[in-house]
């Protein structure tokens, strides 16, 4: 399994985003909804993180649910 920073993995209803990848540790964010980006940060060993990902799927850029863009208002100039 190749791990890289900013990968997003999905296991069931949970999402895991790798925030910081080191030689022996992984800092990740566990989220219930990938569109809001709200979640809890964790730091575990790589071995524990790989166990956590058992049965998880790596999401590609097209599969990640992004929040809708904020509405911008343009005003006709005077």
Protein backbone atom coordinates (compact mmCIF):
# COMPACT_ATOMS: atom_id res chain seq x y z
CA UNK A 1 0.00 0.00 0.00
CA UNK A 2 1.45 3.37 -1.03
CA UNK A 3 0.60 6.18 1.35
CA UNK A 4 0.92 9.84 0.40
CA UNK A 5 0.08 13.13 2.05
CA UNK A 6 -3.47 14.44 1.38
CA UNK A 7 -4.83 11.06 0.30
CA UNK A 8 -8.44 10.49 1.33
CA UNK A 9 -9.58 6.98 2.22
CA UNK A 10 -13.17 5.86 2.78
CA UNK A 11 -14.21 2.98 5.01
CA UNK A 12 -17.96 2.67 5.37
CA UNK A 13 -19.32 6.06 6.39
CA UNK A 14 -15.94 7.39 7.60
CA UNK A 15 -13.28 9.30 5.70
CA UNK A 16 -9.59 9.52 6.63
CA UNK A 17 -7.32 12.21 5.18
CA UNK A 18 -3.56 11.92 5.65
CA UNK A 19 -2.40 15.27 7.01
CA UNK A 20 1.26 14.50 7.68
CA UNK A 21 3.21 11.43 6.67
CA UNK A 22 6.45 10.62 8.43
CA UNK A 23 8.74 7.61 8.38
CA UNK A 24 7.10 5.84 11.33
CA UNK A 25 3.99 7.92 12.08
CA UNK A 26 0.91 9.19 10.32
CA UNK A 27 -1.12 12.23 11.33
CA UNK A 28 -4.62 11.95 9.91
CA UNK A 29 -8.04 13.54 10.18
CA UNK A 30 -11.10 11.32 10.71
CA UNK A 31 -14.27 12.80 9.20
CA UNK A 32 -17.89 11.69 8.96
CA UNK A 33 -18.60 13.98 5.99
CA UNK A 34 -15.85 14.75 3.49
CA UNK A 35 -17.72 17.77 2.11
CA UNK A 36 -17.51 19.77 5.35
CA UNK A 37 -13.95 18.82 6.22
CA UNK A 38 -14.81 18.80 9.93
CA UNK A 39 -13.18 16.06 11.93
CA UNK A 40 -10.78 15.01 14.64
CA UNK A 41 -6.99 14.88 14.22
CA UNK A 42 -5.11 11.75 15.28
CA UNK A 43 -1.47 10.64 15.28
CA UNK A 44 -0.67 6.91 15.12
CA UNK A 45 2.07 4.59 13.92
CA UNK A 46 2.08 3.63 10.24
CA UNK A 47 1.32 0.05 11.22
CA UNK A 48 -1.77 1.10 13.20
CA UNK A 49 -2.91 3.36 10.35
CA UNK A 50 -2.61 0.56 7.80
CA UNK A 51 -4.71 -1.66 10.09
CA UNK A 52 -7.27 1.15 10.29
CA UNK A 53 -7.44 1.28 6.48
CA UNK A 54 -8.12 -2.45 6.12
CA UNK A 55 -11.09 -2.70 3.77
CA UNK A 56 -10.96 1.02 2.93
CA UNK A 57 -10.95 2.48 -0.58
CA UNK A 58 -8.65 5.24 -1.80
CA UNK A 59 -10.74 8.02 -3.31
CA UNK A 60 -9.65 9.73 -6.50
CA UNK A 61 -10.10 13.44 -7.10
CA UNK A 62 -13.42 12.90 -8.91
CA UNK A 63 -14.85 10.79 -6.09
CA UNK A 64 -14.22 13.28 -3.30
CA UNK A 65 -17.31 15.26 -2.39
CA UNK A 66 -16.39 18.95 -2.35
CA UNK A 67 -18.45 21.64 -0.63
CA UNK A 68 -20.41 23.82 -3.03
CA UNK A 69 -18.59 27.03 -3.99
CA UNK A 70 -19.67 30.07 -2.04
CA UNK A 71 -22.00 32.37 -3.90
CA UNK A 72 -20.32 35.52 -5.13
CA UNK A 73 -22.24 38.67 -5.89
CA UNK A 74 -21.07 40.94 -8.64
CA UNK A 75 -22.29 44.49 -8.72
CA UNK A 76 -22.61 46.37 -11.97
CA UNK A 77 -20.14 49.27 -11.76
CA UNK A 78 -21.10 52.90 -11.56
